[in-house]
Amino acid sequence: MNPFAWPFRAQFLFGFACCAALLGYALFVQFQLGIQPCPFCIFQRICFAVLGLVFLLGGLHAPRSTAGRKAWGITALLAASVGVGYAGRHSWVQLYPPPMPSCGPGLNFIVEQYSWLGAAKRVLQATGDCSNIDWQFLGLSMPMWALLWFAGLGLGGLYAGFKARHVYLFRK
C-alpha cells in the first residue's frame, strides 16, 4: 500500500480525494463550528478547488505519454504554488499581525449587503481581520496546515508526473 508505487491515475485521484476532504473539513469548520472564513481563507479554498480539479482531470485523462504526465505534474505544482503563496501570506499575517485589524465583515454579510459581484470585489481586496487564530491543531493554525498540504500535494503531483514508469513488452 505504498502510495509512491501507485500508478499515475491512482496518485492523481488520491490527490483529488485529499483536496475534496480538505474542502469538506473547511465547510464543516465554517458551518458546524461557526468559525467564519476571512478573504485569505476563501482564496485558499479556491486554490484547493482548482488543485483538486487539476488532480481530477489529470487522473481521468491519465496520459500514457511521458510529456502528458509531466504536463499534468507541472500544472498541479503551479496550482499548489498559488495556494502556498496565499497560505504563506496568511500565516505571516497571523504570526506578525498588523497594528490595526485589516479585515472587515464576513463573506455572508458582504453578500447580503452587496451583490455577488460586489462581494467578489470586496473579497479580492482582502479587507478582513485575517490575523485572528481561531483554530489550532498541534500548535499550527489552519493556514499553516494549508501551507503544508499545498506543498505536499504540489510535490506529490510533481512526483507522480515525473516518476519513471515501467513499460513491459509483454504483460506480467
C-alpha atoms as a PDB file:
ATOM      1  CA  MET A   1       0.000   0.000   0.000  1.00  0.00           C
ATOM      2  CA  ASN A   2       2.860   2.379  -0.742  1.00  0.00           C
ATOM      3  CA  PRO A   3       1.302   5.449  -2.436  1.00  0.00           C
ATOM      4  CA  PHE A   4       4.614   6.244  -4.128  1.00  0.00           C
ATOM      5  CA  ALA A   5       4.343   2.945  -6.012  1.00  0.00           C
ATOM      6  CA  TRP A   6       0.793   3.630  -7.210  1.00  0.00           C
ATOM      7  CA  PRO A   7       0.185   4.341 -10.895  1.00  0.00           C
ATOM      8  CA  PHE A   8      -0.250   7.921 -12.111  1.00  0.00           C
ATOM      9  CA  ARG A   9      -4.051   7.707 -12.198  1.00  0.00           C
ATOM     10  CA  ALA A  10      -4.313   6.439  -8.624  1.00  0.00           C
ATOM     11  CA  GLN A  11      -1.909   9.087  -7.325  1.00  0.00           C
ATOM     12  CA  PHE A  12      -3.809  11.900  -9.027  1.00  0.00           C
ATOM     13  CA  LEU A  13      -7.204  10.616  -7.912  1.00  0.00           C
ATOM     14  CA  PHE A  14      -5.823  10.346  -4.372  1.00  0.00           C
ATOM     15  CA  GLY A  15      -4.739  14.000  -4.648  1.00  0.00           C
ATOM     16  CA  PHE A  16      -8.280  14.874  -5.722  1.00  0.00           C
ATOM     17  CA  ALA A  17      -9.697  12.972  -2.735  1.00  0.00           C
ATOM     18  CA  CYS A  18      -7.364  14.864  -0.385  1.00  0.00           C
ATOM     19  CA  CYS A  19      -8.445  18.230  -1.811  1.00  0.00           C
ATOM     20  CA  ALA A  20     -12.130  17.253  -1.558  1.00  0.00           C
ATOM     21  CA  ALA A  21     -11.654  16.140   2.052  1.00  0.00           C
ATOM     22  CA  LEU A  22      -9.852  19.372   2.955  1.00  0.00           C
ATOM     23  CA  LEU A  23     -12.608  21.477   1.390  1.00  0.00           C
ATOM     24  CA  GLY A  24     -15.210  19.396   3.195  1.00  0.00           C
ATOM     25  CA  TYR A  25     -13.456  19.970   6.502  1.00  0.00           C
ATOM     26  CA  ALA A  26     -13.240  23.712   5.815  1.00  0.00           C
ATOM     27  CA  LEU A  27     -17.005  23.787   5.267  1.00  0.00           C
ATOM     28  CA  PHE A  28     -17.523  21.741   8.446  1.00  0.00           C
ATOM     29  CA  VAL A  29     -15.437  24.236  10.430  1.00  0.00           C
ATOM     30  CA  GLN A  30     -17.416  27.121   8.968  1.00  0.00           C
ATOM     31  CA  PHE A  31     -20.952  25.782   9.302  1.00  0.00           C
ATOM     32  CA  GLN A  32     -20.711  23.413  12.280  1.00  0.00           C
ATOM     33  CA  LEU A  33     -18.061  25.056  14.449  1.00  0.00           C
ATOM     34  CA  GLY A  34     -19.103  28.586  13.482  1.00  0.00           C
ATOM     35  CA  ILE A  35     -15.657  29.881  12.537  1.00  0.00           C
ATOM     36  CA  GLN A  36     -16.151  32.351   9.696  1.00  0.00           C
ATOM     37  CA  PRO A  37     -13.502  32.447   6.973  1.00  0.00           C
ATOM     38  CA  CYS A  38     -11.559  35.566   6.087  1.00  0.00           C
ATOM     39  CA  PRO A  39     -10.723  36.564   2.496  1.00  0.00           C
ATOM     40  CA  PHE A  40      -7.393  34.688   2.628  1.00  0.00           C
ATOM     41  CA  CYS A  41      -9.306  31.565   3.695  1.00  0.00           C
ATOM     42  CA  ILE A  42     -11.650  31.944   0.744  1.00  0.00           C
ATOM     43  CA  PHE A  43      -8.719  32.216  -1.653  1.00  0.00           C
ATOM     44  CA  GLN A  44      -7.109  29.126  -0.145  1.00  0.00           C
ATOM     45  CA  ARG A  45     -10.373  27.248  -0.658  1.00  0.00           C
ATOM     46  CA  ILE A  46     -10.442  28.376  -4.276  1.00  0.00           C
ATOM     47  CA  CYS A  47      -6.853  27.165  -4.681  1.00  0.00           C
ATOM     48  CA  PHE A  48      -7.737  23.772  -3.160  1.00  0.00           C
ATOM     49  CA  ALA A  49     -10.706  23.548  -5.540  1.00  0.00           C
ATOM     50  CA  VAL A  50      -8.535  24.366  -8.562  1.00  0.00           C
ATOM     51  CA  LEU A  51      -5.841  21.932  -7.421  1.00  0.00           C
ATOM     52  CA  GLY A  52      -8.493  19.259  -6.890  1.00  0.00           C
ATOM     53  CA  LEU A  53      -9.851  19.905 -10.371  1.00  0.00           C
ATOM     54  CA  VAL A  54      -6.348  19.551 -11.836  1.00  0.00           C
ATOM     55  CA  PHE A  55      -5.911  16.267  -9.969  1.00  0.00           C
ATOM     56  CA  LEU A  56      -9.327  15.008 -11.098  1.00  0.00           C
ATOM     57  CA  LEU A  57      -8.817  15.899 -14.749  1.00  0.00           C
ATOM     58  CA  GLY A  58      -5.275  14.513 -14.730  1.00  0.00           C
ATOM     59  CA  GLY A  59      -6.452  11.328 -13.065  1.00  0.00           C
ATOM     60  CA  LEU A  60      -9.286  10.838 -15.522  1.00  0.00           C
ATOM     61  CA  HIS A  61      -7.061  11.639 -18.500  1.00  0.00           C
ATOM     62  CA  ALA A  62      -4.129   9.517 -17.257  1.00  0.00           C
ATOM     63  CA  PRO A  63      -1.931  10.110 -20.313  1.00  0.00           C
ATOM     64  CA  ARG A  64       0.311   7.305 -21.478  1.00  0.00           C
ATOM     65  CA  SER A  65       2.972   9.671 -22.789  1.00  0.00           C
ATOM     66  CA  THR A  66       5.723  10.941 -20.536  1.00  0.00           C
ATOM     67  CA  ALA A  67       5.192  14.502 -21.741  1.00  0.00           C
ATOM     68  CA  GLY A  68       1.493  14.385 -20.854  1.00  0.00           C
ATOM     69  CA  ARG A  69       2.167  13.127 -17.335  1.00  0.00           C
ATOM     70  CA  LYS A  70       4.867  15.752 -16.842  1.00  0.00           C
ATOM     71  CA  ALA A  71       2.484  18.474 -18.039  1.00  0.00           C
ATOM     72  CA  TRP A  72      -0.135  17.396 -15.501  1.00  0.00           C
ATOM     73  CA  GLY A  73       2.507  17.259 -12.755  1.00  0.00           C
ATOM     74  CA  ILE A  74       3.723  20.769 -13.539  1.00  0.00           C
ATOM     75  CA  THR A  75       0.139  22.046 -13.704  1.00  0.00           C
ATOM     76  CA  ALA A  76      -0.547  20.569 -10.261  1.00  0.00           C
ATOM     77  CA  LEU A  77       2.632  22.165  -8.911  1.00  0.00           C
ATOM     78  CA  LEU A  78       1.638  25.566 -10.328  1.00  0.00           C
ATOM     79  CA  ALA A  79      -1.846  25.358  -8.805  1.00  0.00           C
ATOM     80  CA  ALA A  80      -0.366  24.341  -5.460  1.00  0.00           C
ATOM     81  CA  SER A  81       2.206  27.148  -5.661  1.00  0.00           C
ATOM     82  CA  VAL A  82      -0.538  29.763  -5.800  1.00  0.00           C
ATOM     83  CA  GLY A  83      -2.073  28.155  -2.709  1.00  0.00           C
ATOM     84  CA  VAL A  84       1.322  28.175  -0.989  1.00  0.00           C
ATOM     85  CA  GLY A  85       1.511  31.903  -1.685  1.00  0.00           C
ATOM     86  CA  TYR A  86      -1.882  32.634  -0.130  1.00  0.00           C
ATOM     87  CA  ALA A  87      -1.371  30.295   2.824  1.00  0.00           C
ATOM     88  CA  GLY A  88       2.130  31.680   3.409  1.00  0.00           C
ATOM     89  CA  ARG A  89       0.873  35.263   3.399  1.00  0.00           C
ATOM     90  CA  HIS A  90      -1.991  34.344   5.713  1.00  0.00           C
ATOM     91  CA  SER A  91       0.411  32.595   8.091  1.00  0.00           C
ATOM     92  CA  TRP A  92       2.668  35.654   8.018  1.00  0.00           C
ATOM     93  CA  VAL A  93      -0.241  37.936   8.909  1.00  0.00           C
ATOM     94  CA  GLN A  94      -1.152  35.643  11.803  1.00  0.00           C
ATOM     95  CA  LEU A  95       2.410  35.475  13.109  1.00  0.00           C
ATOM     96  CA  TYR A  96       3.045  39.225  12.706  1.00  0.00           C
ATOM     97  CA  PRO A  97      -0.366  40.901  12.974  1.00  0.00           C
ATOM     98  CA  PRO A  98      -0.661  44.491  11.769  1.00  0.00           C
ATOM     99  CA  PRO A  99      -1.309  47.155  14.416  1.00  0.00           C
ATOM    100  CA  MET A 100      -4.785  47.839  13.002  1.00  0.00           C
ATOM    101  CA  PRO A 101      -7.136  44.996  12.038  1.00  0.00           C
ATOM    102  CA  SER A 102      -7.118  44.717   8.281  1.00  0.00           C
ATOM    103  CA  CYS A 103     -10.205  42.550   7.760  1.00  0.00           C
ATOM    104  CA  GLY A 104     -13.830  43.507   7.737  1.00  0.00           C
ATOM    105  CA  PRO A 105     -17.108  41.628   7.996  1.00  0.00           C
ATOM    106  CA  GLY A 106     -17.516  38.024   6.943  1.00  0.00           C
ATOM    107  CA  LEU A 107     -18.378  36.855   3.450  1.00  0.00           C
ATOM    108  CA  ASN A 108     -22.053  36.197   4.285  1.00  0.00           C
ATOM    109  CA  PHE A 109     -22.561  39.780   5.437  1.00  0.00           C
ATOM    110  CA  ILE A 110     -20.802  41.166   2.369  1.00  0.00           C
ATOM    111  CA  VAL A 111     -23.006  39.083   0.051  1.00  0.00           C
ATOM    112  CA  GLU A 112     -26.139  40.306   1.874  1.00  0.00           C
ATOM    113  CA  GLN A 113     -25.060  43.945   1.602  1.00  0.00           C
ATOM    114  CA  TYR A 114     -23.746  43.803  -1.965  1.00  0.00           C
ATOM    115  CA  SER A 115     -24.355  41.520  -4.909  1.00  0.00           C
ATOM    116  CA  TRP A 116     -22.148  38.508  -5.608  1.00  0.00           C
ATOM    117  CA  LEU A 117     -20.096  40.704  -7.916  1.00  0.00           C
ATOM    118  CA  GLY A 118     -19.661  43.299  -5.196  1.00  0.00           C
ATOM    119  CA  ALA A 119     -18.813  40.571  -2.707  1.00  0.00           C
ATOM    120  CA  ALA A 120     -16.187  39.166  -5.075  1.00  0.00           C
ATOM    121  CA  LYS A 121     -14.675  42.624  -5.373  1.00  0.00           C
ATOM    122  CA  ARG A 122     -14.595  43.041  -1.578  1.00  0.00           C
ATOM    123  CA  VAL A 123     -13.055  39.599  -1.042  1.00  0.00           C
ATOM    124  CA  LEU A 124     -10.407  40.280  -3.666  1.00  0.00           C
ATOM    125  CA  GLN A 125      -9.430  43.366  -1.680  1.00  0.00           C
ATOM    126  CA  ALA A 126      -8.824  41.126   1.387  1.00  0.00           C
ATOM    127  CA  THR A 127     -10.095  43.590   3.960  1.00  0.00           C
ATOM    128  CA  GLY A 128     -10.992  41.189   6.800  1.00  0.00           C
ATOM    129  CA  ASP A 129      -9.170  40.553  10.078  1.00  0.00           C
ATOM    130  CA  CYS A 130      -7.031  37.644   8.976  1.00  0.00           C
ATOM    131  CA  SER A 131      -4.695  37.878  11.954  1.00  0.00           C
ATOM    132  CA  ASN A 132      -7.062  36.060  14.336  1.00  0.00           C
ATOM    133  CA  ILE A 133      -6.112  32.486  15.168  1.00  0.00           C
ATOM    134  CA  ASP A 134      -9.430  30.762  15.838  1.00  0.00           C
ATOM    135  CA  TRP A 135      -8.345  27.160  15.252  1.00  0.00           C
ATOM    136  CA  GLN A 136      -5.153  25.240  16.044  1.00  0.00           C
ATOM    137  CA  PHE A 137      -4.000  21.646  15.862  1.00  0.00           C
ATOM    138  CA  LEU A 138      -0.603  20.551  17.182  1.00  0.00           C
ATOM    139  CA  GLY A 139       0.356  24.204  17.594  1.00  0.00           C
ATOM    140  CA  LEU A 140      -0.253  25.130  13.947  1.00  0.00           C
ATOM    141  CA  SER A 141      -3.085  27.327  12.721  1.00  0.00           C
ATOM    142  CA  MET A 142      -5.299  26.420   9.770  1.00  0.00           C
ATOM    143  CA  PRO A 143      -3.326  28.471   7.204  1.00  0.00           C
ATOM    144  CA  MET A 144      -0.111  26.805   8.371  1.00  0.00           C
ATOM    145  CA  TRP A 145      -1.697  23.389   7.837  1.00  0.00           C
ATOM    146  CA  ALA A 146      -2.980  24.546   4.458  1.00  0.00           C
ATOM    147  CA  LEU A 147       0.572  25.596   3.578  1.00  0.00           C
ATOM    148  CA  LEU A 148       1.848  22.118   4.422  1.00  0.00           C
ATOM    149  CA  TRP A 149      -0.960  20.471   2.439  1.00  0.00           C
ATOM    150  CA  PHE A 150      -0.364  22.676  -0.605  1.00  0.00           C
ATOM    151  CA  ALA A 151       3.349  21.916  -0.509  1.00  0.00           C
ATOM    152  CA  GLY A 152       2.790  18.177  -0.056  1.00  0.00           C
ATOM    153  CA  LEU A 153       0.118  17.913  -2.736  1.00  0.00           C
ATOM    154  CA  GLY A 154       2.127  20.016  -5.193  1.00  0.00           C
ATOM    155  CA  LEU A 155       5.254  17.949  -4.701  1.00  0.00           C
ATOM    156  CA  GLY A 156       3.182  14.756  -4.834  1.00  0.00           C
ATOM    157  CA  GLY A 157       1.672  15.809  -8.148  1.00  0.00           C
ATOM    158  CA  LEU A 158       5.114  16.654  -9.488  1.00  0.00           C
ATOM    159  CA  TYR A 159       6.435  13.274  -8.312  1.00  0.00           C
ATOM    160  CA  ALA A 160       3.534  11.471  -9.966  1.00  0.00           C
ATOM    161  CA  GLY A 161       4.174  13.293 -13.216  1.00  0.00           C
ATOM    162  CA  PHE A 162       7.928  12.730 -13.307  1.00  0.00           C
ATOM    163  CA  LYS A 163       8.082   9.229 -11.820  1.00  0.00           C
ATOM    164  CA  ALA A 164       9.679   6.697 -14.144  1.00  0.00           C
ATOM    165  CA  ARG A 165       7.136   4.205 -15.448  1.00  0.00           C
ATOM    166  CA  HIS A 166       7.882   0.593 -16.127  1.00  0.00           C
ATOM    167  CA  VAL A 167       6.999  -0.417 -19.647  1.00  0.00           C
ATOM    168  CA  TYR A 168       6.570  -4.119 -20.181  1.00  0.00           C
ATOM    169  CA  LEU A 169       6.791  -5.532 -23.674  1.00  0.00           C
ATOM    170  CA  PHE A 170       4.714  -8.480 -22.551  1.00  0.00           C
ATOM    171  CA  ARG A 171       2.212  -8.389 -19.726  1.00  0.00           C
ATOM    172  CA  LYS A 172       3.348  -9.852 -16.457  1.00  0.00           C
END
